mmCIF file of all heavy atoms, coordinates in Angstrom:
data_MODEL
# 
_entry.id   MODEL 
# 
loop_
_atom_site.group_PDB 
_atom_site.id 
_atom_site.type_symbol 
_atom_site.label_atom_id 
_atom_site.label_alt_id 
_atom_site.label_comp_id 
_atom_site.label_asym_id 
_atom_site.label_entity_id 
_atom_site.label_seq_id 
_atom_site.pdbx_PDB_ins_code 
_atom_site.Cartn_x 
_atom_site.Cartn_y 
_atom_site.Cartn_z 
_atom_site.occupancy 
_atom_site.B_iso_or_equiv 
_atom_site.pdbx_formal_charge 
_atom_site.auth_seq_id 
_atom_site.auth_comp_id 
_atom_site.auth_asym_id 
_atom_site.auth_atom_id 
_atom_site.pdbx_PDB_model_num 
ATOM 1   N N   . GLU A 1 1  ? -14.238 11.873 11.407  1.00 0.00 ? 1  GLU A N   1 
ATOM 2   C CA  . GLU A 1 1  ? -13.244 12.543 10.558  1.00 0.00 ? 1  GLU A CA  1 
ATOM 3   C C   . GLU A 1 1  ? -12.675 11.564 9.530   1.00 0.00 ? 1  GLU A C   1 
ATOM 4   O O   . GLU A 1 1  ? -12.456 11.932 8.368   1.00 0.00 ? 1  GLU A O   1 
ATOM 5   C CB  . GLU A 1 1  ? -12.124 13.123 11.423  1.00 0.00 ? 1  GLU A CB  1 
ATOM 6   C CG  . GLU A 1 1  ? -11.005 13.776 10.649  1.00 0.00 ? 1  GLU A CG  1 
ATOM 7   C CD  . GLU A 1 1  ? -11.426 14.957 9.787   1.00 0.00 ? 1  GLU A CD  1 
ATOM 8   O OE1 . GLU A 1 1  ? -12.480 15.572 10.058  1.00 0.00 ? 1  GLU A OE1 1 
ATOM 9   O OE2 . GLU A 1 1  ? -10.698 15.267 8.824   1.00 0.00 ? 1  GLU A OE2 1 
ATOM 10  N N   . LEU A 1 2  ? -12.446 10.337 9.915   1.00 0.00 ? 2  LEU A N   1 
ATOM 11  C CA  . LEU A 1 2  ? -11.953 9.335  8.968   1.00 0.00 ? 2  LEU A CA  1 
ATOM 12  C C   . LEU A 1 2  ? -12.999 9.042  7.889   1.00 0.00 ? 2  LEU A C   1 
ATOM 13  O O   . LEU A 1 2  ? -12.652 8.854  6.717   1.00 0.00 ? 2  LEU A O   1 
ATOM 14  C CB  . LEU A 1 2  ? -11.525 8.069  9.698   1.00 0.00 ? 2  LEU A CB  1 
ATOM 15  C CG  . LEU A 1 2  ? -10.284 8.234  10.578  1.00 0.00 ? 2  LEU A CG  1 
ATOM 16  C CD1 . LEU A 1 2  ? -10.092 7.026  11.474  1.00 0.00 ? 2  LEU A CD1 1 
ATOM 17  C CD2 . LEU A 1 2  ? -9.044  8.490  9.736   1.00 0.00 ? 2  LEU A CD2 1 
ATOM 18  N N   . TYR A 1 3  ? -14.269 9.036  8.257   1.00 0.00 ? 3  TYR A N   1 
ATOM 19  C CA  . TYR A 1 3  ? -15.330 8.858  7.257   1.00 0.00 ? 3  TYR A CA  1 
ATOM 20  C C   . TYR A 1 3  ? -15.342 10.043 6.286   1.00 0.00 ? 3  TYR A C   1 
ATOM 21  O O   . TYR A 1 3  ? -15.542 9.856  5.089   1.00 0.00 ? 3  TYR A O   1 
ATOM 22  C CB  . TYR A 1 3  ? -16.701 8.717  7.917   1.00 0.00 ? 3  TYR A CB  1 
ATOM 23  C CG  . TYR A 1 3  ? -16.885 7.467  8.739   1.00 0.00 ? 3  TYR A CG  1 
ATOM 24  C CD1 . TYR A 1 3  ? -17.819 7.437  9.761   1.00 0.00 ? 3  TYR A CD1 1 
ATOM 25  C CD2 . TYR A 1 3  ? -16.145 6.314  8.495   1.00 0.00 ? 3  TYR A CD2 1 
ATOM 26  C CE1 . TYR A 1 3  ? -18.010 6.290  10.517  1.00 0.00 ? 3  TYR A CE1 1 
ATOM 27  C CE2 . TYR A 1 3  ? -16.320 5.169  9.253   1.00 0.00 ? 3  TYR A CE2 1 
ATOM 28  C CZ  . TYR A 1 3  ? -17.264 5.165  10.265  1.00 0.00 ? 3  TYR A CZ  1 
ATOM 29  O OH  . TYR A 1 3  ? -17.450 4.030  11.014  1.00 0.00 ? 3  TYR A OH  1 
ATOM 30  N N   . ARG A 1 4  ? -15.144 11.226 6.811   1.00 0.00 ? 4  ARG A N   1 
ATOM 31  C CA  . ARG A 1 4  ? -15.094 12.412 5.951   1.00 0.00 ? 4  ARG A CA  1 
ATOM 32  C C   . ARG A 1 4  ? -13.941 12.294 4.959   1.00 0.00 ? 4  ARG A C   1 
ATOM 33  O O   . ARG A 1 4  ? -14.080 12.607 3.774   1.00 0.00 ? 4  ARG A O   1 
ATOM 34  C CB  . ARG A 1 4  ? -14.961 13.689 6.770   1.00 0.00 ? 4  ARG A CB  1 
ATOM 35  C CG  . ARG A 1 4  ? -15.077 14.965 5.926   1.00 0.00 ? 4  ARG A CG  1 
ATOM 36  C CD  . ARG A 1 4  ? -14.618 16.200 6.667   1.00 0.00 ? 4  ARG A CD  1 
ATOM 37  N NE  . ARG A 1 4  ? -13.215 16.163 7.034   1.00 0.00 ? 4  ARG A NE  1 
ATOM 38  C CZ  . ARG A 1 4  ? -12.193 16.315 6.187   1.00 0.00 ? 4  ARG A CZ  1 
ATOM 39  N NH1 . ARG A 1 4  ? -12.401 16.481 4.905   1.00 0.00 ? 4  ARG A NH1 1 
ATOM 40  N NH2 . ARG A 1 4  ? -10.948 16.288 6.624   1.00 0.00 ? 4  ARG A NH2 1 
ATOM 41  N N   . ARG A 1 5  ? -12.807 11.810 5.420   1.00 0.00 ? 5  ARG A N   1 
ATOM 42  C CA  . ARG A 1 5  ? -11.661 11.626 4.531   1.00 0.00 ? 5  ARG A CA  1 
ATOM 43  C C   . ARG A 1 5  ? -11.944 10.584 3.457   1.00 0.00 ? 5  ARG A C   1 
ATOM 44  O O   . ARG A 1 5  ? -11.483 10.716 2.320   1.00 0.00 ? 5  ARG A O   1 
ATOM 45  C CB  . ARG A 1 5  ? -10.428 11.237 5.334   1.00 0.00 ? 5  ARG A CB  1 
ATOM 46  C CG  . ARG A 1 5  ? -9.909  12.367 6.194   1.00 0.00 ? 5  ARG A CG  1 
ATOM 47  C CD  . ARG A 1 5  ? -8.717  11.922 6.995   1.00 0.00 ? 5  ARG A CD  1 
ATOM 48  N NE  . ARG A 1 5  ? -8.349  12.940 7.965   1.00 0.00 ? 5  ARG A NE  1 
ATOM 49  C CZ  . ARG A 1 5  ? -7.432  12.763 8.900   1.00 0.00 ? 5  ARG A CZ  1 
ATOM 50  N NH1 . ARG A 1 5  ? -6.766  11.615 8.977   1.00 0.00 ? 5  ARG A NH1 1 
ATOM 51  N NH2 . ARG A 1 5  ? -7.154  13.731 9.747   1.00 0.00 ? 5  ARG A NH2 1 
ATOM 52  N N   . ALA A 1 6  ? -12.703 9.559  3.804   1.00 0.00 ? 6  ALA A N   1 
ATOM 53  C CA  . ALA A 1 6  ? -13.088 8.560  2.794   1.00 0.00 ? 6  ALA A CA  1 
ATOM 54  C C   . ALA A 1 6  ? -13.978 9.199  1.736   1.00 0.00 ? 6  ALA A C   1 
ATOM 55  O O   . ALA A 1 6  ? -13.782 8.966  0.532   1.00 0.00 ? 6  ALA A O   1 
ATOM 56  C CB  . ALA A 1 6  ? -13.804 7.380  3.460   1.00 0.00 ? 6  ALA A CB  1 
ATOM 57  N N   . MET A 1 7  ? -14.925 10.014 2.161   1.00 0.00 ? 7  MET A N   1 
ATOM 58  C CA  . MET A 1 7  ? -15.781 10.705 1.196   1.00 0.00 ? 7  MET A CA  1 
ATOM 59  C C   . MET A 1 7  ? -14.945 11.626 0.309   1.00 0.00 ? 7  MET A C   1 
ATOM 60  O O   . MET A 1 7  ? -15.188 11.711 -0.898  1.00 0.00 ? 7  MET A O   1 
ATOM 61  C CB  . MET A 1 7  ? -16.882 11.490 1.910   1.00 0.00 ? 7  MET A CB  1 
ATOM 62  C CG  . MET A 1 7  ? -17.888 10.619 2.647   1.00 0.00 ? 7  MET A CG  1 
ATOM 63  S SD  . MET A 1 7  ? -18.784 9.462  1.581   1.00 0.00 ? 7  MET A SD  1 
ATOM 64  C CE  . MET A 1 7  ? -19.957 10.574 0.836   1.00 0.00 ? 7  MET A CE  1 
ATOM 65  N N   . ASP A 1 8  ? -13.967 12.292 0.894   1.00 0.00 ? 8  ASP A N   1 
ATOM 66  C CA  . ASP A 1 8  ? -13.062 13.135 0.104   1.00 0.00 ? 8  ASP A CA  1 
ATOM 67  C C   . ASP A 1 8  ? -12.326 12.307 -0.942  1.00 0.00 ? 8  ASP A C   1 
ATOM 68  O O   . ASP A 1 8  ? -12.145 12.757 -2.074  1.00 0.00 ? 8  ASP A O   1 
ATOM 69  C CB  . ASP A 1 8  ? -12.038 13.843 0.999   1.00 0.00 ? 8  ASP A CB  1 
ATOM 70  C CG  . ASP A 1 8  ? -12.604 15.030 1.739   1.00 0.00 ? 8  ASP A CG  1 
ATOM 71  O OD1 . ASP A 1 8  ? -13.753 15.433 1.465   1.00 0.00 ? 8  ASP A OD1 1 
ATOM 72  O OD2 . ASP A 1 8  ? -11.891 15.556 2.623   1.00 0.00 ? 8  ASP A OD2 1 
ATOM 73  N N   . ALA A 1 9  ? -11.901 11.119 -0.560  1.00 0.00 ? 9  ALA A N   1 
ATOM 74  C CA  . ALA A 1 9  ? -11.187 10.250 -1.504  1.00 0.00 ? 9  ALA A CA  1 
ATOM 75  C C   . ALA A 1 9  ? -12.080 9.901  -2.689  1.00 0.00 ? 9  ALA A C   1 
ATOM 76  O O   . ALA A 1 9  ? -11.597 9.841  -3.831  1.00 0.00 ? 9  ALA A O   1 
ATOM 77  C CB  . ALA A 1 9  ? -10.702 8.978  -0.807  1.00 0.00 ? 9  ALA A CB  1 
ATOM 78  N N   . PHE A 1 10 ? -13.363 9.695  -2.451  1.00 0.00 ? 10 PHE A N   1 
ATOM 79  C CA  . PHE A 1 10 ? -14.281 9.402  -3.555  1.00 0.00 ? 10 PHE A CA  1 
ATOM 80  C C   . PHE A 1 10 ? -14.341 10.564 -4.540  1.00 0.00 ? 10 PHE A C   1 
ATOM 81  O O   . PHE A 1 10 ? -14.414 10.359 -5.744  1.00 0.00 ? 10 PHE A O   1 
ATOM 82  C CB  . PHE A 1 10 ? -15.711 9.138  -3.047  1.00 0.00 ? 10 PHE A CB  1 
ATOM 83  C CG  . PHE A 1 10 ? -15.846 7.929  -2.182  1.00 0.00 ? 10 PHE A CG  1 
ATOM 84  C CD1 . PHE A 1 10 ? -16.676 7.963  -1.070  1.00 0.00 ? 10 PHE A CD1 1 
ATOM 85  C CD2 . PHE A 1 10 ? -15.165 6.756  -2.458  1.00 0.00 ? 10 PHE A CD2 1 
ATOM 86  C CE1 . PHE A 1 10 ? -16.832 6.846  -0.270  1.00 0.00 ? 10 PHE A CE1 1 
ATOM 87  C CE2 . PHE A 1 10 ? -15.304 5.630  -1.652  1.00 0.00 ? 10 PHE A CE2 1 
ATOM 88  C CZ  . PHE A 1 10 ? -16.144 5.680  -0.559  1.00 0.00 ? 10 PHE A CZ  1 
ATOM 89  N N   . HIS A 1 11 ? -14.324 11.779 -4.011  1.00 0.00 ? 11 HIS A N   1 
ATOM 90  C CA  . HIS A 1 11 ? -14.516 12.963 -4.843  1.00 0.00 ? 11 HIS A CA  1 
ATOM 91  C C   . HIS A 1 11 ? -13.225 13.526 -5.429  1.00 0.00 ? 11 HIS A C   1 
ATOM 92  O O   . HIS A 1 11 ? -13.259 14.142 -6.487  1.00 0.00 ? 11 HIS A O   1 
ATOM 93  C CB  . HIS A 1 11 ? -15.233 14.051 -4.038  1.00 0.00 ? 11 HIS A CB  1 
ATOM 94  C CG  . HIS A 1 11 ? -16.589 13.632 -3.576  1.00 0.00 ? 11 HIS A CG  1 
ATOM 95  N ND1 . HIS A 1 11 ? -17.640 13.385 -4.431  1.00 0.00 ? 11 HIS A ND1 1 
ATOM 96  C CD2 . HIS A 1 11 ? -17.063 13.379 -2.331  1.00 0.00 ? 11 HIS A CD2 1 
ATOM 97  C CE1 . HIS A 1 11 ? -18.698 13.011 -3.752  1.00 0.00 ? 11 HIS A CE1 1 
ATOM 98  N NE2 . HIS A 1 11 ? -18.381 13.000 -2.466  1.00 0.00 ? 11 HIS A NE2 1 
ATOM 99  N N   . ARG A 1 12 ? -12.116 13.327 -4.762  1.00 0.00 ? 12 ARG A N   1 
ATOM 100 C CA  . ARG A 1 12 ? -10.874 13.986 -5.177  1.00 0.00 ? 12 ARG A CA  1 
ATOM 101 C C   . ARG A 1 12 ? -9.864  13.088 -5.884  1.00 0.00 ? 12 ARG A C   1 
ATOM 102 O O   . ARG A 1 12 ? -8.949  13.592 -6.515  1.00 0.00 ? 12 ARG A O   1 
ATOM 103 C CB  . ARG A 1 12 ? -10.204 14.617 -3.972  1.00 0.00 ? 12 ARG A CB  1 
ATOM 104 C CG  . ARG A 1 12 ? -11.056 15.726 -3.394  1.00 0.00 ? 12 ARG A CG  1 
ATOM 105 C CD  . ARG A 1 12 ? -10.360 16.418 -2.272  1.00 0.00 ? 12 ARG A CD  1 
ATOM 106 N NE  . ARG A 1 12 ? -11.267 17.415 -1.726  1.00 0.00 ? 12 ARG A NE  1 
ATOM 107 C CZ  . ARG A 1 12 ? -10.900 18.360 -0.933  1.00 0.00 ? 12 ARG A CZ  1 
ATOM 108 N NH1 . ARG A 1 12 ? -9.650  18.458 -0.557  1.00 0.00 ? 12 ARG A NH1 1 
ATOM 109 N NH2 . ARG A 1 12 ? -11.775 19.217 -0.479  1.00 0.00 ? 12 ARG A NH2 1 
ATOM 110 N N   . ILE A 1 13 ? -10.017 11.793 -5.747  1.00 0.00 ? 13 ILE A N   1 
ATOM 111 C CA  . ILE A 1 13 ? -9.047  10.885 -6.360  1.00 0.00 ? 13 ILE A CA  1 
ATOM 112 C C   . ILE A 1 13 ? -9.747  10.159 -7.507  1.00 0.00 ? 13 ILE A C   1 
ATOM 113 O O   . ILE A 1 13 ? -10.595 9.301  -7.285  1.00 0.00 ? 13 ILE A O   1 
ATOM 114 C CB  . ILE A 1 13 ? -8.486  9.877  -5.331  1.00 0.00 ? 13 ILE A CB  1 
ATOM 115 C CG1 . ILE A 1 13 ? -7.833  10.618 -4.157  1.00 0.00 ? 13 ILE A CG1 1 
ATOM 116 C CG2 . ILE A 1 13 ? -7.493  8.946  -6.012  1.00 0.00 ? 13 ILE A CG2 1 
ATOM 117 C CD1 . ILE A 1 13 ? -7.404  9.717  -3.012  1.00 0.00 ? 13 ILE A CD1 1 
ATOM 118 N N   . ALA A 1 14 ? -9.355  10.513 -8.730  1.00 0.00 ? 14 ALA A N   1 
ATOM 119 C CA  . ALA A 1 14 ? -10.002 9.945  -9.910  1.00 0.00 ? 14 ALA A CA  1 
ATOM 120 C C   . ALA A 1 14 ? -9.457  8.565  -10.265 1.00 0.00 ? 14 ALA A C   1 
ATOM 121 O O   . ALA A 1 14 ? -10.204 7.698  -10.720 1.00 0.00 ? 14 ALA A O   1 
ATOM 122 C CB  . ALA A 1 14 ? -9.843  10.898 -11.100 1.00 0.00 ? 14 ALA A CB  1 
ATOM 123 N N   . ASP A 1 15 ? -8.175  8.357  -10.046 1.00 0.00 ? 15 ASP A N   1 
ATOM 124 C CA  . ASP A 1 15 ? -7.561  7.085  -10.402 1.00 0.00 ? 15 ASP A CA  1 
ATOM 125 C C   . ASP A 1 15 ? -8.057  5.987  -9.464  1.00 0.00 ? 15 ASP A C   1 
ATOM 126 O O   . ASP A 1 15 ? -7.873  6.080  -8.244  1.00 0.00 ? 15 ASP A O   1 
ATOM 127 C CB  . ASP A 1 15 ? -6.039  7.201  -10.333 1.00 0.00 ? 15 ASP A CB  1 
ATOM 128 C CG  . ASP A 1 15 ? -5.355  5.904  -10.670 1.00 0.00 ? 15 ASP A CG  1 
ATOM 129 O OD1 . ASP A 1 15 ? -5.202  5.614  -11.869 1.00 0.00 ? 15 ASP A OD1 1 
ATOM 130 O OD2 . ASP A 1 15 ? -4.978  5.173  -9.724  1.00 0.00 ? 15 ASP A OD2 1 
ATOM 131 N N   . PRO A 1 16 ? -8.668  4.934  -9.998  1.00 0.00 ? 16 PRO A N   1 
ATOM 132 C CA  . PRO A 1 16 ? -9.228  3.870  -9.140  1.00 0.00 ? 16 PRO A CA  1 
ATOM 133 C C   . PRO A 1 16 ? -8.189  3.191  -8.254  1.00 0.00 ? 16 PRO A C   1 
ATOM 134 O O   . PRO A 1 16 ? -8.485  2.865  -7.098  1.00 0.00 ? 16 PRO A O   1 
ATOM 135 C CB  . PRO A 1 16 ? -9.827  2.872  -10.133 1.00 0.00 ? 16 PRO A CB  1 
ATOM 136 C CG  . PRO A 1 16 ? -10.036 3.647  -11.392 1.00 0.00 ? 16 PRO A CG  1 
ATOM 137 C CD  . PRO A 1 16 ? -8.979  4.710  -11.407 1.00 0.00 ? 16 PRO A CD  1 
ATOM 138 N N   . ASP A 1 17 ? -6.982  2.974  -8.769  1.00 0.00 ? 17 ASP A N   1 
ATOM 139 C CA  . ASP A 1 17 ? -5.949  2.323  -7.953  1.00 0.00 ? 17 ASP A CA  1 
ATOM 140 C C   . ASP A 1 17 ? -5.503  3.211  -6.799  1.00 0.00 ? 17 ASP A C   1 
ATOM 141 O O   . ASP A 1 17 ? -5.320  2.731  -5.676  1.00 0.00 ? 17 ASP A O   1 
ATOM 142 C CB  . ASP A 1 17 ? -4.743  1.942  -8.816  1.00 0.00 ? 17 ASP A CB  1 
ATOM 143 C CG  . ASP A 1 17 ? -5.061  0.822  -9.791  1.00 0.00 ? 17 ASP A CG  1 
ATOM 144 O OD1 . ASP A 1 17 ? -5.985  0.018  -9.498  1.00 0.00 ? 17 ASP A OD1 1 
ATOM 145 O OD2 . ASP A 1 17 ? -4.407  0.748  -10.840 1.00 0.00 ? 17 ASP A OD2 1 
ATOM 146 N N   . GLN A 1 18 ? -5.347  4.506  -7.077  1.00 0.00 ? 18 GLN A N   1 
ATOM 147 C CA  . GLN A 1 18 ? -4.961  5.435  -6.011  1.00 0.00 ? 18 GLN A CA  1 
ATOM 148 C C   . GLN A 1 18 ? -6.082  5.562  -4.979  1.00 0.00 ? 18 GLN A C   1 
ATOM 149 O O   . GLN A 1 18 ? -5.828  5.636  -3.780  1.00 0.00 ? 18 GLN A O   1 
ATOM 150 C CB  . GLN A 1 18 ? -4.626  6.802  -6.593  1.00 0.00 ? 18 GLN A CB  1 
ATOM 151 C CG  . GLN A 1 18 ? -3.338  6.838  -7.371  1.00 0.00 ? 18 GLN A CG  1 
ATOM 152 C CD  . GLN A 1 18 ? -3.082  8.212  -7.980  1.00 0.00 ? 18 GLN A CD  1 
ATOM 153 O OE1 . GLN A 1 18 ? -3.946  9.088  -7.989  1.00 0.00 ? 18 GLN A OE1 1 
ATOM 154 N NE2 . GLN A 1 18 ? -1.870  8.407  -8.492  1.00 0.00 ? 18 GLN A NE2 1 
ATOM 155 N N   . GLN A 1 19 ? -7.308  5.582  -5.475  1.00 0.00 ? 19 GLN A N   1 
ATOM 156 C CA  . GLN A 1 19 ? -8.449  5.672  -4.566  1.00 0.00 ? 19 GLN A CA  1 
ATOM 157 C C   . GLN A 1 19 ? -8.507  4.444  -3.661  1.00 0.00 ? 19 GLN A C   1 
ATOM 158 O O   . GLN A 1 19 ? -8.706  4.560  -2.447  1.00 0.00 ? 19 GLN A O   1 
ATOM 159 C CB  . GLN A 1 19 ? -9.745  5.810  -5.367  1.00 0.00 ? 19 GLN A CB  1 
ATOM 160 C CG  . GLN A 1 19 ? -10.945 6.130  -4.501  1.00 0.00 ? 19 GLN A CG  1 
ATOM 161 C CD  . GLN A 1 19 ? -12.196 6.260  -5.320  1.00 0.00 ? 19 GLN A CD  1 
ATOM 162 O OE1 . GLN A 1 19 ? -12.831 5.244  -5.607  1.00 0.00 ? 19 GLN A OE1 1 
ATOM 163 N NE2 . GLN A 1 19 ? -12.536 7.489  -5.698  1.00 0.00 ? 19 GLN A NE2 1 
ATOM 164 N N   . LEU A 1 20 ? -8.315  3.271  -4.251  1.00 0.00 ? 20 LEU A N   1 
ATOM 165 C CA  . LEU A 1 20 ? -8.328  2.041  -3.470  1.00 0.00 ? 20 LEU A CA  1 
ATOM 166 C C   . LEU A 1 20 ? -7.224  2.050  -2.422  1.00 0.00 ? 20 LEU A C   1 
ATOM 167 O O   . LEU A 1 20 ? -7.455  1.677  -1.261  1.00 0.00 ? 20 LEU A O   1 
ATOM 168 C CB  . LEU A 1 20 ? -8.180  0.821  -4.386  1.00 0.00 ? 20 LEU A CB  1 
ATOM 169 C CG  . LEU A 1 20 ? -8.174  -0.537 -3.683  1.00 0.00 ? 20 LEU A CG  1 
ATOM 170 C CD1 . LEU A 1 20 ? -9.475  -0.769 -2.923  1.00 0.00 ? 20 LEU A CD1 1 
ATOM 171 C CD2 . LEU A 1 20 ? -7.920  -1.639 -4.697  1.00 0.00 ? 20 LEU A CD2 1 
ATOM 172 N N   . THR A 1 21 ? -6.039  2.507  -2.800  1.00 0.00 ? 21 THR A N   1 
ATOM 173 C CA  . THR A 1 21 ? -4.919  2.593  -1.857  1.00 0.00 ? 21 THR A CA  1 
ATOM 174 C C   . THR A 1 21 ? -5.282  3.516  -0.697  1.00 0.00 ? 21 THR A C   1 
ATOM 175 O O   . THR A 1 21 ? -5.058  3.173  0.476   1.00 0.00 ? 21 THR A O   1 
ATOM 176 C CB  . THR A 1 21 ? -3.649  3.094  -2.565  1.00 0.00 ? 21 THR A CB  1 
ATOM 177 O OG1 . THR A 1 21 ? -3.296  2.153  -3.576  1.00 0.00 ? 21 THR A OG1 1 
ATOM 178 C CG2 . THR A 1 21 ? -2.504  3.270  -1.594  1.00 0.00 ? 21 THR A CG2 1 
ATOM 179 N N   . ARG A 1 22 ? -5.872  4.665  -1.012  1.00 0.00 ? 22 ARG A N   1 
ATOM 180 C CA  . ARG A 1 22 ? -6.248  5.618  0.040   1.00 0.00 ? 22 ARG A CA  1 
ATOM 181 C C   . ARG A 1 22 ? -7.330  5.022  0.947   1.00 0.00 ? 22 ARG A C   1 
ATOM 182 O O   . ARG A 1 22 ? -7.277  5.167  2.173   1.00 0.00 ? 22 ARG A O   1 
ATOM 183 C CB  . ARG A 1 22 ? -6.736  6.929  -0.573  1.00 0.00 ? 22 ARG A CB  1 
ATOM 184 C CG  . ARG A 1 22 ? -7.147  7.963  0.442   1.00 0.00 ? 22 ARG A CG  1 
ATOM 185 C CD  . ARG A 1 22 ? -5.982  8.382  1.309   1.00 0.00 ? 22 ARG A CD  1 
ATOM 186 N NE  . ARG A 1 22 ? -6.403  9.367  2.281   1.00 0.00 ? 22 ARG A NE  1 
ATOM 187 C CZ  . ARG A 1 22 ? -6.062  9.354  3.556   1.00 0.00 ? 22 ARG A CZ  1 
ATOM 188 N NH1 . ARG A 1 22 ? -5.224  8.431  4.010   1.00 0.00 ? 22 ARG A NH1 1 
ATOM 189 N NH2 . ARG A 1 22 ? -6.490  10.277 4.383   1.00 0.00 ? 22 ARG A NH2 1 
ATOM 190 N N   . LEU A 1 23 ? -8.291  4.343  0.373   1.00 0.00 ? 23 LEU A N   1 
ATOM 191 C CA  . LEU A 1 23 ? -9.355  3.748  1.176   1.00 0.00 ? 23 LEU A CA  1 
ATOM 192 C C   . LEU A 1 23 ? -8.820  2.636  2.074   1.00 0.00 ? 23 LEU A C   1 
ATOM 193 O O   . LEU A 1 23 ? -9.261  2.494  3.220   1.00 0.00 ? 23 LEU A O   1 
ATOM 194 C CB  . LEU A 1 23 ? -10.476 3.230  0.281   1.00 0.00 ? 23 LEU A CB  1 
ATOM 195 C CG  . LEU A 1 23 ? -11.268 4.302  -0.468  1.00 0.00 ? 23 LEU A CG  1 
ATOM 196 C CD1 . LEU A 1 23 ? -12.281 3.664  -1.401  1.00 0.00 ? 23 LEU A CD1 1 
ATOM 197 C CD2 . LEU A 1 23 ? -11.932 5.277  0.487   1.00 0.00 ? 23 LEU A CD2 1 
ATOM 198 N N   . GLU A 1 24 ? -7.863  1.877  1.584   1.00 0.00 ? 24 GLU A N   1 
ATOM 199 C CA  . GLU A 1 24 ? -7.230  0.847  2.421   1.00 0.00 ? 24 GLU A CA  1 
ATOM 200 C C   . GLU A 1 24 ? -6.488  1.490  3.594   1.00 0.00 ? 24 GLU A C   1 
ATOM 201 O O   . GLU A 1 24 ? -6.521  0.972  4.712   1.00 0.00 ? 24 GLU A O   1 
ATOM 202 C CB  . GLU A 1 24 ? -6.277  -0.019 1.593   1.00 0.00 ? 24 GLU A CB  1 
ATOM 203 C CG  . GLU A 1 24 ? -6.976  -0.983 0.660   1.00 0.00 ? 24 GLU A CG  1 
ATOM 204 C CD  . GLU A 1 24 ? -7.686  -2.123 1.380   1.00 0.00 ? 24 GLU A CD  1 
ATOM 205 O OE1 . GLU A 1 24 ? -7.538  -2.282 2.600   1.00 0.00 ? 24 GLU A OE1 1 
ATOM 206 O OE2 . GLU A 1 24 ? -8.406  -2.860 0.697   1.00 0.00 ? 24 GLU A OE2 1 
ATOM 207 N N   . GLU A 1 25 ? -5.821  2.607  3.330   1.00 0.00 ? 25 GLU A N   1 
ATOM 208 C CA  . GLU A 1 25 ? -5.133  3.328  4.415   1.00 0.00 ? 25 GLU A CA  1 
ATOM 209 C C   . GLU A 1 25 ? -6.145  3.781  5.465   1.00 0.00 ? 25 GLU A C   1 
ATOM 210 O O   . GLU A 1 25 ? -5.911  3.646  6.671   1.00 0.00 ? 25 GLU A O   1 
ATOM 211 C CB  . GLU A 1 25 ? -4.396  4.549  3.862   1.00 0.00 ? 25 GLU A CB  1 
ATOM 212 C CG  . GLU A 1 25 ? -3.201  4.244  3.004   1.00 0.00 ? 25 GLU A CG  1 
ATOM 213 C CD  . GLU A 1 25 ? -2.670  5.474  2.260   1.00 0.00 ? 25 GLU A CD  1 
ATOM 214 O OE1 . GLU A 1 25 ? -3.299  6.557  2.328   1.00 0.00 ? 25 GLU A OE1 1 
ATOM 215 O OE2 . GLU A 1 25 ? -1.625  5.336  1.596   1.00 0.00 ? 25 GLU A OE2 1 
ATOM 216 N N   . LEU A 1 26 ? -7.256  4.320  4.995   1.00 0.00 ? 26 LEU A N   1 
ATOM 217 C CA  . LEU A 1 26 ? -8.286  4.791  5.919   1.00 0.00 ? 26 LEU A CA  1 
ATOM 218 C C   . LEU A 1 26 ? -8.918  3.637  6.693   1.00 0.00 ? 26 LEU A C   1 
ATOM 219 O O   . LEU A 1 26 ? -9.213  3.779  7.879   1.00 0.00 ? 26 LEU A O   1 
ATOM 220 C CB  . LEU A 1 26 ? -9.349  5.588  5.162   1.00 0.00 ? 26 LEU A CB  1 
ATOM 221 C CG  . LEU A 1 26 ? -8.874  6.946  4.665   1.00 0.00 ? 26 LEU A CG  1 
ATOM 222 C CD1 . LEU A 1 26 ? -9.868  7.531  3.679   1.00 0.00 ? 26 LEU A CD1 1 
ATOM 223 C CD2 . LEU A 1 26 ? -8.624  7.898  5.826   1.00 0.00 ? 26 LEU A CD2 1 
# 
């Protein structure tokens, strides 16, 4: 499920900084 959320972050978060923040959380 956490991997799925990471894939979602790739597709749903366009801003690179926000994406990086989300990936660090994951």
